[in-house]
Amino acid sequence: MKIIDWLLEGDIVIQHLTNRHLLNRSFDHNNGGYITKYLELYDTVGQEWGGSIYSRKWISSTYTLLELKYMEIHPNNPCYQDATKKVLNGLWENHGKISKTRYQDMCMSAMLLSLVCYGRIHDFRTNEIIDYILEHQMDDGGWNCAWDSVHNRSTVGSVHTIISVLEAFSDYQKNGYDYRLIEIKQQAALGQEYLLSRELFKSLKTGEVIHPDIINFHYPCRWKYDCFRALEYFLHIGYPYDNRMQNAINLVKTALKRGYINRGKSYSGKIHFPLESGSKGRFNTYRGLLILKRYDNEAYQEAIHADFIYDK
């Protein structure tokens, strides 16, 4: 069996992503499969998932909406729209100053911006979030949730925060928002350089891997960074190949040699339901192929034409 055929035996969401982004052909999941399962768990009265806007990881509205966004739920879906507006109301007030001593978490602000922009929701608070993010970029070009910490204020970027901000900026531009757009592009370029200067996973000081999790596939990524999430970001914005991506691309090629990529590490916390069982991961395999298709087409062609045995 070919790897594409194996992907096309998966959930209709995987079929949709594979057809649209790997095979360049039209295929509509019609909000079926995993998306339907998530929608069935939606509390229409409370307009949320998991009885929580954010704090109940990973069943809260914020993290459920992030999964639905990756699965490409139709952005006008009423559940997506209503839940995102409730998250916006719950997480953003007073220009981001949520208490006398604390501003909203930068990662949360960026994830919120992504969700709002994907739904093409127009609200004056979108501009406030943009102001907040632009104002608090670090001197090294990154962002960090600890910029306003009373006890341990950080002055350097965090890859976890940076990727959330960059994805938010991408969603902002892609969906037609234009407030402070020139500055957004300028600051995004600095954030991109931050990641590339570290070859997407290395410490600038030591040259060593920042953390083992950063060179392993995860799906869903939650708020956490891995170098493959960075490569997905770069390919989705049409960023050209940069030789500083190569070591991360090599990790993708190595991971695909068995014919699939593992499901990866699961972060502790509650989930609505398991997306995949066993060791094989269709989502991560799709992600790996998507990266190779953009940045190493020869390796991509080799992978999709090889024969493997995929046990049930």
C-alpha atoms as a PDB file:
ATOM      1  CA  MET A   1       0.000   0.000   0.000  1.00  0.00           C
ATOM      2  CA  LYS A   2       1.103   3.543  -0.733  1.00  0.00           C
ATOM      3  CA  ILE A   3       1.238   6.108   2.058  1.00  0.00           C
ATOM      4  CA  ILE A   4      -1.410   8.303   0.389  1.00  0.00           C
ATOM      5  CA  ASP A   5      -3.810   5.347   0.190  1.00  0.00           C
ATOM      6  CA  TRP A   6      -3.277   4.731   3.904  1.00  0.00           C
ATOM      7  CA  LEU A   7      -4.063   8.373   4.686  1.00  0.00           C
ATOM      8  CA  LEU A   8      -7.201   8.184   2.555  1.00  0.00           C
ATOM      9  CA  GLU A   9      -8.439   5.278   4.680  1.00  0.00           C
ATOM     10  CA  GLY A  10      -8.479   7.598   7.681  1.00  0.00           C
ATOM     11  CA  ASP A  11     -11.148   9.897   9.073  1.00  0.00           C
ATOM     12  CA  ILE A  12     -12.894  12.182   6.589  1.00  0.00           C
ATOM     13  CA  VAL A  13     -10.939  15.120   8.067  1.00  0.00           C
ATOM     14  CA  ILE A  14      -7.667  13.393   7.100  1.00  0.00           C
ATOM     15  CA  GLN A  15      -9.140  12.633   3.680  1.00  0.00           C
ATOM     16  CA  HIS A  16      -9.969  16.305   3.252  1.00  0.00           C
ATOM     17  CA  LEU A  17      -6.518  17.546   4.295  1.00  0.00           C
ATOM     18  CA  THR A  18      -4.775  14.935   2.133  1.00  0.00           C
ATOM     19  CA  ASN A  19      -6.855  15.707  -0.941  1.00  0.00           C
ATOM     20  CA  ARG A  20      -6.700  19.456  -0.598  1.00  0.00           C
ATOM     21  CA  HIS A  21      -3.102  20.015   0.429  1.00  0.00           C
ATOM     22  CA  LEU A  22      -1.201  16.978  -0.839  1.00  0.00           C
ATOM     23  CA  LEU A  23      -3.151  15.993  -3.955  1.00  0.00           C
ATOM     24  CA  ASN A  24      -4.392  19.479  -4.924  1.00  0.00           C
ATOM     25  CA  ARG A  25      -7.908  18.302  -5.551  1.00  0.00           C
ATOM     26  CA  SER A  26     -11.255  19.363  -4.187  1.00  0.00           C
ATOM     27  CA  PHE A  27     -12.708  17.363  -1.329  1.00  0.00           C
ATOM     28  CA  ASP A  28     -15.113  18.726   1.281  1.00  0.00           C
ATOM     29  CA  HIS A  29     -15.376  17.065   4.673  1.00  0.00           C
ATOM     30  CA  ASN A  30     -18.731  18.838   5.196  1.00  0.00           C
ATOM     31  CA  ASN A  31     -17.791  19.238   8.865  1.00  0.00           C
ATOM     32  CA  GLY A  32     -17.974  15.463   9.215  1.00  0.00           C
ATOM     33  CA  GLY A  33     -15.843  12.880  11.002  1.00  0.00           C
ATOM     34  CA  TYR A  34     -13.870  14.252  13.933  1.00  0.00           C
ATOM     35  CA  ILE A  35     -15.447  17.662  13.449  1.00  0.00           C
ATOM     36  CA  THR A  36     -18.931  16.216  13.883  1.00  0.00           C
ATOM     37  CA  LYS A  37     -17.806  14.473  17.063  1.00  0.00           C
ATOM     38  CA  TYR A  38     -16.527  17.755  18.485  1.00  0.00           C
ATOM     39  CA  LEU A  39     -19.715  19.575  17.488  1.00  0.00           C
ATOM     40  CA  GLU A  40     -21.816  16.907  19.213  1.00  0.00           C
ATOM     41  CA  LEU A  41     -20.010  17.761  22.464  1.00  0.00           C
ATOM     42  CA  TYR A  42     -20.736  21.481  22.172  1.00  0.00           C
ATOM     43  CA  ASP A  43     -22.907  23.015  24.891  1.00  0.00           C
ATOM     44  CA  THR A  44     -25.332  25.135  22.889  1.00  0.00           C
ATOM     45  CA  VAL A  45     -26.714  26.779  26.035  1.00  0.00           C
ATOM     46  CA  GLY A  46     -23.360  27.714  27.533  1.00  0.00           C
ATOM     47  CA  GLN A  47     -21.816  28.234  24.075  1.00  0.00           C
ATOM     48  CA  GLU A  48     -18.658  26.385  25.042  1.00  0.00           C
ATOM     49  CA  TRP A  49     -16.851  23.085  25.297  1.00  0.00           C
ATOM     50  CA  GLY A  50     -15.761  21.411  28.507  1.00  0.00           C
ATOM     51  CA  GLY A  51     -17.487  23.947  30.736  1.00  0.00           C
ATOM     52  CA  SER A  52     -14.534  26.282  30.347  1.00  0.00           C
ATOM     53  CA  ILE A  53     -13.268  29.051  28.110  1.00  0.00           C
ATOM     54  CA  TYR A  54      -9.591  28.216  28.576  1.00  0.00           C
ATOM     55  CA  SER A  55      -8.450  26.639  31.825  1.00  0.00           C
ATOM     56  CA  ARG A  56      -9.672  23.033  31.464  1.00  0.00           C
ATOM     57  CA  LYS A  57      -6.933  21.635  29.264  1.00  0.00           C
ATOM     58  CA  TRP A  58      -7.510  20.218  26.739  1.00  0.00           C
ATOM     59  CA  ILE A  59     -11.309  20.176  26.608  1.00  0.00           C
ATOM     60  CA  SER A  60     -11.938  23.919  26.998  1.00  0.00           C
ATOM     61  CA  SER A  61     -13.358  25.997  24.171  1.00  0.00           C
ATOM     62  CA  THR A  62     -10.012  27.564  23.276  1.00  0.00           C
ATOM     63  CA  TYR A  63      -8.196  24.277  22.651  1.00  0.00           C
ATOM     64  CA  THR A  64     -11.200  22.625  21.018  1.00  0.00           C
ATOM     65  CA  LEU A  65     -11.511  25.580  18.639  1.00  0.00           C
ATOM     66  CA  LEU A  66      -7.791  25.347  17.806  1.00  0.00           C
ATOM     67  CA  GLU A  67      -8.252  21.709  16.847  1.00  0.00           C
ATOM     68  CA  LEU A  68     -11.309  22.538  14.758  1.00  0.00           C
ATOM     69  CA  LYS A  69      -9.407  25.334  13.054  1.00  0.00           C
ATOM     70  CA  TYR A  70      -6.571  22.963  12.090  1.00  0.00           C
ATOM     71  CA  MET A  71      -9.145  20.496  10.777  1.00  0.00           C
ATOM     72  CA  GLU A  72     -10.543  23.340   8.659  1.00  0.00           C
ATOM     73  CA  ILE A  73     -14.035  23.506  10.064  1.00  0.00           C
ATOM     74  CA  HIS A  74     -16.144  25.872   7.981  1.00  0.00           C
ATOM     75  CA  PRO A  75     -15.418  29.230   9.665  1.00  0.00           C
ATOM     76  CA  ASN A  76     -19.051  30.327   9.469  1.00  0.00           C
ATOM     77  CA  ASN A  77     -20.233  27.315  11.455  1.00  0.00           C
ATOM     78  CA  PRO A  78     -22.515  28.761  14.194  1.00  0.00           C
ATOM     79  CA  CYS A  79     -20.814  26.770  16.976  1.00  0.00           C
ATOM     80  CA  TYR A  80     -17.392  28.020  15.906  1.00  0.00           C
ATOM     81  CA  GLN A  81     -18.647  31.583  15.652  1.00  0.00           C
ATOM     82  CA  ASP A  82     -20.525  31.671  18.958  1.00  0.00           C
ATOM     83  CA  ALA A  83     -17.829  29.876  20.964  1.00  0.00           C
ATOM     84  CA  THR A  84     -15.082  32.105  19.563  1.00  0.00           C
ATOM     85  CA  LYS A  85     -17.031  35.245  20.467  1.00  0.00           C
ATOM     86  CA  LYS A  86     -17.500  33.914  24.001  1.00  0.00           C
ATOM     87  CA  VAL A  87     -13.769  33.179  24.260  1.00  0.00           C
ATOM     88  CA  LEU A  88     -13.045  36.713  23.057  1.00  0.00           C
ATOM     89  CA  ASN A  89     -15.401  38.157  25.670  1.00  0.00           C
ATOM     90  CA  GLY A  90     -13.859  36.016  28.379  1.00  0.00           C
ATOM     91  CA  LEU A  91     -10.172  36.440  27.625  1.00  0.00           C
ATOM     92  CA  TRP A  92      -9.869  40.024  26.455  1.00  0.00           C
ATOM     93  CA  GLU A  93     -10.812  43.180  28.344  1.00  0.00           C
ATOM     94  CA  ASN A  94      -9.306  46.513  29.323  1.00  0.00           C
ATOM     95  CA  HIS A  95      -6.759  46.503  26.484  1.00  0.00           C
ATOM     96  CA  GLY A  96      -5.320  43.251  27.804  1.00  0.00           C
ATOM     97  CA  LYS A  97      -4.785  44.338  31.411  1.00  0.00           C
ATOM     98  CA  ILE A  98      -6.728  41.634  33.200  1.00  0.00           C
ATOM     99  CA  SER A  99      -5.811  42.682  36.734  1.00  0.00           C
ATOM    100  CA  LYS A 100      -4.029  45.509  38.539  1.00  0.00           C
ATOM    101  CA  THR A 101      -0.697  43.696  38.236  1.00  0.00           C
ATOM    102  CA  ARG A 102      -1.023  41.455  35.201  1.00  0.00           C
ATOM    103  CA  TYR A 103      -1.635  41.571  31.468  1.00  0.00           C
ATOM    104  CA  GLN A 104      -3.127  38.782  29.419  1.00  0.00           C
ATOM    105  CA  ASP A 105      -0.791  35.901  28.638  1.00  0.00           C
ATOM    106  CA  MET A 106       0.885  36.573  25.272  1.00  0.00           C
ATOM    107  CA  CYS A 107       0.363  33.026  23.960  1.00  0.00           C
ATOM    108  CA  MET A 108      -3.319  33.167  24.875  1.00  0.00           C
ATOM    109  CA  SER A 109      -3.645  36.558  23.193  1.00  0.00           C
ATOM    110  CA  ALA A 110      -2.081  35.213  19.996  1.00  0.00           C
ATOM    111  CA  MET A 111      -4.185  32.050  19.955  1.00  0.00           C
ATOM    112  CA  LEU A 112      -7.279  34.173  20.527  1.00  0.00           C
ATOM    113  CA  LEU A 113      -6.328  36.405  17.601  1.00  0.00           C
ATOM    114  CA  SER A 114      -5.914  33.341  15.362  1.00  0.00           C
ATOM    115  CA  LEU A 115      -9.364  32.014  16.258  1.00  0.00           C
ATOM    116  CA  VAL A 116     -11.057  35.378  15.729  1.00  0.00           C
ATOM    117  CA  CYS A 117      -9.347  35.947  12.374  1.00  0.00           C
ATOM    118  CA  TYR A 118     -10.119  32.436  11.097  1.00  0.00           C
ATOM    119  CA  GLY A 119     -13.785  33.134  11.805  1.00  0.00           C
ATOM    120  CA  ARG A 120     -13.468  36.560  10.119  1.00  0.00           C
ATOM    121  CA  ILE A 121     -15.011  38.132  13.191  1.00  0.00           C
ATOM    122  CA  HIS A 122     -14.704  41.918  13.139  1.00  0.00           C
ATOM    123  CA  ASP A 123     -14.476  43.439  16.590  1.00  0.00           C
ATOM    124  CA  PHE A 124     -12.620  46.521  17.865  1.00  0.00           C
ATOM    125  CA  ARG A 125     -10.742  44.290  20.306  1.00  0.00           C
ATOM    126  CA  THR A 126      -8.890  42.691  17.407  1.00  0.00           C
ATOM    127  CA  ASN A 127      -7.038  45.985  16.989  1.00  0.00           C
ATOM    128  CA  GLU A 128      -6.332  46.081  20.714  1.00  0.00           C
ATOM    129  CA  ILE A 129      -4.745  42.624  20.575  1.00  0.00           C
ATOM    130  CA  ILE A 130      -2.609  43.724  17.620  1.00  0.00           C
ATOM    131  CA  ASP A 131      -1.486  46.814  19.574  1.00  0.00           C
ATOM    132  CA  TYR A 132      -0.614  44.651  22.559  1.00  0.00           C
ATOM    133  CA  ILE A 133       1.439  42.114  20.572  1.00  0.00           C
ATOM    134  CA  LEU A 134       3.292  44.734  18.553  1.00  0.00           C
ATOM    135  CA  GLU A 135       4.135  46.728  21.669  1.00  0.00           C
ATOM    136  CA  HIS A 136       5.775  43.840  23.484  1.00  0.00           C
ATOM    137  CA  GLN A 137       8.177  42.296  21.005  1.00  0.00           C
ATOM    138  CA  MET A 138      11.568  41.563  22.601  1.00  0.00           C
ATOM    139  CA  ASP A 139      14.809  43.139  21.436  1.00  0.00           C
ATOM    140  CA  ASP A 140      15.889  39.775  19.977  1.00  0.00           C
ATOM    141  CA  GLY A 141      12.834  39.711  17.682  1.00  0.00           C
ATOM    142  CA  GLY A 142      10.818  37.233  19.704  1.00  0.00           C
ATOM    143  CA  TRP A 143       7.922  37.332  22.141  1.00  0.00           C
ATOM    144  CA  ASN A 144       7.596  35.814  25.585  1.00  0.00           C
ATOM    145  CA  CYS A 145       4.642  35.292  27.910  1.00  0.00           C
ATOM    146  CA  ALA A 146       6.871  36.269  30.833  1.00  0.00           C
ATOM    147  CA  TRP A 147       7.487  39.807  29.597  1.00  0.00           C
ATOM    148  CA  ASP A 148       5.447  41.249  32.477  1.00  0.00           C
ATOM    149  CA  SER A 149       6.226  38.683  35.175  1.00  0.00           C
ATOM    150  CA  VAL A 150       6.706  40.329  38.566  1.00  0.00           C
ATOM    151  CA  HIS A 151       9.133  37.694  39.838  1.00  0.00           C
ATOM    152  CA  ASN A 152      10.872  36.389  36.733  1.00  0.00           C
ATOM    153  CA  ARG A 153      10.531  38.886  33.917  1.00  0.00           C
ATOM    154  CA  SER A 154      12.037  37.628  30.682  1.00  0.00           C
ATOM    155  CA  THR A 155      13.889  39.758  28.166  1.00  0.00           C
ATOM    156  CA  VAL A 156      14.364  37.058  25.512  1.00  0.00           C
ATOM    157  CA  GLY A 157      11.982  35.348  23.149  1.00  0.00           C
ATOM    158  CA  SER A 158      10.286  31.992  23.727  1.00  0.00           C
ATOM    159  CA  VAL A 159       9.749  29.660  20.772  1.00  0.00           C
ATOM    160  CA  HIS A 160       6.350  28.648  22.185  1.00  0.00           C
ATOM    161  CA  THR A 161       5.129  32.236  22.223  1.00  0.00           C
ATOM    162  CA  ILE A 162       6.769  33.184  18.932  1.00  0.00           C
ATOM    163  CA  ILE A 163       5.093  30.467  16.891  1.00  0.00           C
ATOM    164  CA  SER A 164       1.667  31.393  18.292  1.00  0.00           C
ATOM    165  CA  VAL A 165       2.228  35.051  17.425  1.00  0.00           C
ATOM    166  CA  LEU A 166       3.493  34.283  13.929  1.00  0.00           C
ATOM    167  CA  GLU A 167       0.539  31.990  13.216  1.00  0.00           C
ATOM    168  CA  ALA A 168      -1.818  34.694  14.462  1.00  0.00           C
ATOM    169  CA  PHE A 169      -0.220  37.290  12.212  1.00  0.00           C
ATOM    170  CA  SER A 170      -0.555  34.867   9.290  1.00  0.00           C
ATOM    171  CA  ASP A 171      -4.263  34.299   9.975  1.00  0.00           C
ATOM    172  CA  TYR A 172      -4.732  38.046  10.357  1.00  0.00           C
ATOM    173  CA  GLN A 173      -3.251  38.771   6.933  1.00  0.00           C
ATOM    174  CA  LYS A 174      -4.818  35.779   5.196  1.00  0.00           C
ATOM    175  CA  ASN A 175      -8.318  36.799   6.225  1.00  0.00           C
ATOM    176  CA  GLY A 176      -8.144  40.376   5.018  1.00  0.00           C
ATOM    177  CA  TYR A 177      -7.434  42.397   8.177  1.00  0.00           C
ATOM    178  CA  ASP A 178      -5.244  45.416   7.563  1.00  0.00           C
ATOM    179  CA  TYR A 179      -4.854  47.464  10.761  1.00  0.00           C
ATOM    180  CA  ARG A 180      -1.110  48.203  11.263  1.00  0.00           C
ATOM    181  CA  LEU A 181      -0.348  45.670   8.549  1.00  0.00           C
ATOM    182  CA  ILE A 182       3.021  47.146   7.545  1.00  0.00           C
ATOM    183  CA  GLU A 183       4.270  46.913  11.136  1.00  0.00           C
ATOM    184  CA  ILE A 184       2.940  43.384  11.456  1.00  0.00           C
ATOM    185  CA  LYS A 185       4.923  42.281   8.412  1.00  0.00           C
ATOM    186  CA  GLN A 186       8.053  43.951   9.738  1.00  0.00           C
ATOM    187  CA  GLN A 187       7.792  42.381  13.173  1.00  0.00           C
ATOM    188  CA  ALA A 188       6.834  38.989  11.761  1.00  0.00           C
ATOM    189  CA  ALA A 189      10.039  39.037   9.719  1.00  0.00           C
ATOM    190  CA  LEU A 190      12.032  39.528  12.934  1.00  0.00           C
ATOM    191  CA  GLY A 191      10.227  36.618  14.565  1.00  0.00           C
ATOM    192  CA  GLN A 192      10.888  34.412  11.545  1.00  0.00           C
ATOM    193  CA  GLU A 193      14.577  35.279  11.695  1.00  0.00           C
ATOM    194  CA  TYR A 194      14.619  34.399  15.397  1.00  0.00           C
ATOM    195  CA  LEU A 195      13.498  30.845  14.583  1.00  0.00           C
ATOM    196  CA  LEU A 196      15.685  30.430  11.503  1.00  0.00           C
ATOM    197  CA  SER A 197      18.793  31.707  13.274  1.00  0.00           C
ATOM    198  CA  ARG A 198      18.321  28.764  15.639  1.00  0.00           C
ATOM    199  CA  GLU A 199      17.717  26.320  12.760  1.00  0.00           C
ATOM    200  CA  LEU A 200      14.220  25.957  14.263  1.00  0.00           C
ATOM    201  CA  PHE A 201      15.336  23.854  17.250  1.00  0.00           C
ATOM    202  CA  LYS A 202      18.787  24.858  18.523  1.00  0.00           C
ATOM    203  CA  SER A 203      19.977  27.058  21.355  1.00  0.00           C
ATOM    204  CA  LEU A 204      21.746  30.124  20.027  1.00  0.00           C
ATOM    205  CA  LYS A 205      24.248  29.950  22.889  1.00  0.00           C
ATOM    206  CA  THR A 206      25.159  26.245  22.843  1.00  0.00           C
ATOM    207  CA  GLY A 207      24.013  24.977  19.459  1.00  0.00           C
ATOM    208  CA  GLU A 208      22.310  22.079  21.251  1.00  0.00           C
ATOM    209  CA  VAL A 209      18.660  21.041  20.960  1.00  0.00           C
ATOM    210  CA  ILE A 210      16.604  23.430  23.101  1.00  0.00           C
ATOM    211  CA  HIS A 211      14.477  20.565  24.440  1.00  0.00           C
ATOM    212  CA  PRO A 212      13.916  16.971  23.193  1.00  0.00           C
ATOM    213  CA  ASP A 213      10.200  17.633  22.652  1.00  0.00           C
ATOM    214  CA  ILE A 214      11.051  20.264  20.069  1.00  0.00           C
ATOM    215  CA  ILE A 215      12.430  17.686  17.621  1.00  0.00           C
ATOM    216  CA  ASN A 216       9.525  15.251  18.027  1.00  0.00           C
ATOM    217  CA  PHE A 217       6.172  15.314  16.274  1.00  0.00           C
ATOM    218  CA  HIS A 218       3.071  16.169  18.290  1.00  0.00           C
ATOM    219  CA  TYR A 219      -0.550  16.365  17.279  1.00  0.00           C
ATOM    220  CA  PRO A 220      -2.375  18.345  18.502  1.00  0.00           C
ATOM    221  CA  CYS A 221       0.428  20.780  19.318  1.00  0.00           C
ATOM    222  CA  ARG A 222      -1.653  22.657  21.918  1.00  0.00           C
ATOM    223  CA  TRP A 223       0.299  25.793  22.898  1.00  0.00           C
ATOM    224  CA  LYS A 224       3.635  24.042  22.556  1.00  0.00           C
ATOM    225  CA  TYR A 225       6.287  24.454  19.894  1.00  0.00           C
ATOM    226  CA  ASP A 226       8.034  21.850  17.804  1.00  0.00           C
ATOM    227  CA  CYS A 227      10.195  22.466  14.759  1.00  0.00           C
ATOM    228  CA  PHE A 228       7.654  20.795  12.474  1.00  0.00           C
ATOM    229  CA  ARG A 229       4.995  23.260  13.555  1.00  0.00           C
ATOM    230  CA  ALA A 230       7.452  25.979  12.546  1.00  0.00           C
ATOM    231  CA  LEU A 231       7.971  24.378   9.128  1.00  0.00           C
ATOM    232  CA  GLU A 232       4.201  24.179   8.649  1.00  0.00           C
ATOM    233  CA  TYR A 233       3.952  27.872   9.434  1.00  0.00           C
ATOM    234  CA  PHE A 234       6.652  28.743   6.920  1.00  0.00           C
ATOM    235  CA  LEU A 235       5.132  26.655   4.130  1.00  0.00           C
ATOM    236  CA  HIS A 236       1.653  28.082   4.701  1.00  0.00           C
ATOM    237  CA  ILE A 237       2.921  31.653   4.273  1.00  0.00           C
ATOM    238  CA  GLY A 238       4.817  30.649   1.113  1.00  0.00           C
ATOM    239  CA  TYR A 239       8.235  31.218   2.662  1.00  0.00           C
ATOM    240  CA  PRO A 240      11.043  30.043   0.341  1.00  0.00           C
ATOM    241  CA  TYR A 241      13.455  27.297   1.294  1.00  0.00           C
ATOM    242  CA  ASP A 242      16.204  28.474   3.627  1.00  0.00           C
ATOM    243  CA  ASN A 243      19.224  26.242   4.251  1.00  0.00           C
ATOM    244  CA  ARG A 244      18.746  26.806   7.985  1.00  0.00           C
ATOM    245  CA  MET A 245      15.608  24.645   7.694  1.00  0.00           C
ATOM    246  CA  GLN A 246      17.553  21.666   6.413  1.00  0.00           C
ATOM    247  CA  ASN A 247      18.328  19.899   9.683  1.00  0.00           C
ATOM    248  CA  ALA A 248      14.665  20.037  10.666  1.00  0.00           C
ATOM    249  CA  ILE A 249      13.671  18.762   7.202  1.00  0.00           C
ATOM    250  CA  ASN A 250      16.118  15.893   7.636  1.00  0.00           C
ATOM    251  CA  LEU A 251      14.271  14.949  10.822  1.00  0.00           C
ATOM    252  CA  VAL A 252      11.063  14.700   8.784  1.00  0.00           C
ATOM    253  CA  LYS A 253      12.747  12.468   6.211  1.00  0.00           C
ATOM    254  CA  THR A 254      14.115  10.203   8.929  1.00  0.00           C
ATOM    255  CA  ALA A 255      10.724   9.965  10.630  1.00  0.00           C
ATOM    256  CA  LEU A 256       9.041   8.934   7.354  1.00  0.00           C
ATOM    257  CA  LYS A 257      11.466   6.116   6.535  1.00  0.00           C
ATOM    258  CA  ARG A 258       9.241   3.576   8.286  1.00  0.00           C
ATOM    259  CA  GLY A 259       6.393   4.604   5.973  1.00  0.00           C
ATOM    260  CA  TYR A 260       4.498   6.647   8.526  1.00  0.00           C
ATOM    261  CA  ILE A 261       5.185   8.990  11.439  1.00  0.00           C
ATOM    262  CA  ASN A 262       4.267   8.050  14.984  1.00  0.00           C
ATOM    263  CA  ARG A 263       1.346   9.647  16.817  1.00  0.00           C
ATOM    264  CA  GLY A 264       3.892  11.355  19.018  1.00  0.00           C
ATOM    265  CA  LYS A 265       3.832  12.364  22.646  1.00  0.00           C
ATOM    266  CA  SER A 266       0.510  13.172  24.268  1.00  0.00           C
ATOM    267  CA  TYR A 267       0.480  16.069  26.684  1.00  0.00           C
ATOM    268  CA  SER A 268      -1.141  15.274  30.028  1.00  0.00           C
ATOM    269  CA  GLY A 269      -4.656  16.545  30.525  1.00  0.00           C
ATOM    270  CA  LYS A 270      -8.255  15.703  29.667  1.00  0.00           C
ATOM    271  CA  ILE A 271      -9.299  15.134  26.071  1.00  0.00           C
ATOM    272  CA  HIS A 272     -12.717  14.810  24.500  1.00  0.00           C
ATOM    273  CA  PHE A 273     -11.867  11.503  22.805  1.00  0.00           C
ATOM    274  CA  PRO A 274      -8.770   9.832  21.296  1.00  0.00           C
ATOM    275  CA  LEU A 275      -8.126  10.943  17.736  1.00  0.00           C
ATOM    276  CA  GLU A 276      -5.961   7.951  16.850  1.00  0.00           C
ATOM    277  CA  SER A 277      -5.074   4.604  18.390  1.00  0.00           C
ATOM    278  CA  GLY A 278      -1.883   2.587  18.177  1.00  0.00           C
ATOM    279  CA  SER A 279       1.517   3.996  17.331  1.00  0.00           C
ATOM    280  CA  LYS A 280       0.868   5.244  13.803  1.00  0.00           C
ATOM    281  CA  GLY A 281      -0.217   8.849  13.357  1.00  0.00           C
ATOM    282  CA  ARG A 282      -2.080   9.914  10.247  1.00  0.00           C
ATOM    283  CA  PHE A 283      -2.103  13.567  11.301  1.00  0.00           C
ATOM    284  CA  ASN A 284       1.666  13.630  11.825  1.00  0.00           C
ATOM    285  CA  THR A 285       2.275  11.630   8.661  1.00  0.00           C
ATOM    286  CA  TYR A 286       0.198  14.154   6.730  1.00  0.00           C
ATOM    287  CA  ARG A 287       2.162  16.991   8.341  1.00  0.00           C
ATOM    288  CA  GLY A 288       5.482  15.410   7.420  1.00  0.00           C
ATOM    289  CA  LEU A 289       4.456  14.873   3.811  1.00  0.00           C
ATOM    290  CA  LEU A 290       3.154  18.430   3.573  1.00  0.00           C
ATOM    291  CA  ILE A 291       6.540  19.745   4.707  1.00  0.00           C
ATOM    292  CA  LEU A 292       8.450  17.603   2.220  1.00  0.00           C
ATOM    293  CA  LYS A 293       6.124  18.510  -0.626  1.00  0.00           C
ATOM    294  CA  ARG A 294       7.037  22.170  -0.125  1.00  0.00           C
ATOM    295  CA  TYR A 295      10.701  21.952   0.829  1.00  0.00           C
ATOM    296  CA  ASP A 296      12.058  18.652  -0.583  1.00  0.00           C
ATOM    297  CA  ASN A 297       9.845  17.459  -3.420  1.00  0.00           C
ATOM    298  CA  GLU A 298      12.260  14.694  -4.412  1.00  0.00           C
ATOM    299  CA  ALA A 299      11.947  13.145  -0.943  1.00  0.00           C
ATOM    300  CA  TYR A 300       8.181  13.700  -1.084  1.00  0.00           C
ATOM    301  CA  GLN A 301       7.859  11.835  -4.375  1.00  0.00           C
ATOM    302  CA  GLU A 302       9.963   8.987  -3.038  1.00  0.00           C
ATOM    303  CA  ALA A 303       7.784   8.728   0.060  1.00  0.00           C
ATOM    304  CA  ILE A 304       4.438   8.698  -1.740  1.00  0.00           C
ATOM    305  CA  HIS A 305       5.527   6.103  -4.306  1.00  0.00           C
ATOM    306  CA  ALA A 306       7.088   3.622  -1.893  1.00  0.00           C
ATOM    307  CA  ASP A 307       5.197   0.482  -0.879  1.00  0.00           C
ATOM    308  CA  PHE A 308       4.610  -0.323   2.794  1.00  0.00           C
ATOM    309  CA  ILE A 309       2.516  -2.712   4.820  1.00  0.00           C
ATOM    310  CA  TYR A 310       0.212  -0.892   7.198  1.00  0.00           C
ATOM    311  CA  ASP A 311      -1.220  -3.161   9.854  1.00  0.00           C
ATOM    312  CA  LYS A 312      -4.620  -2.280  11.204  1.00  0.00           C
END
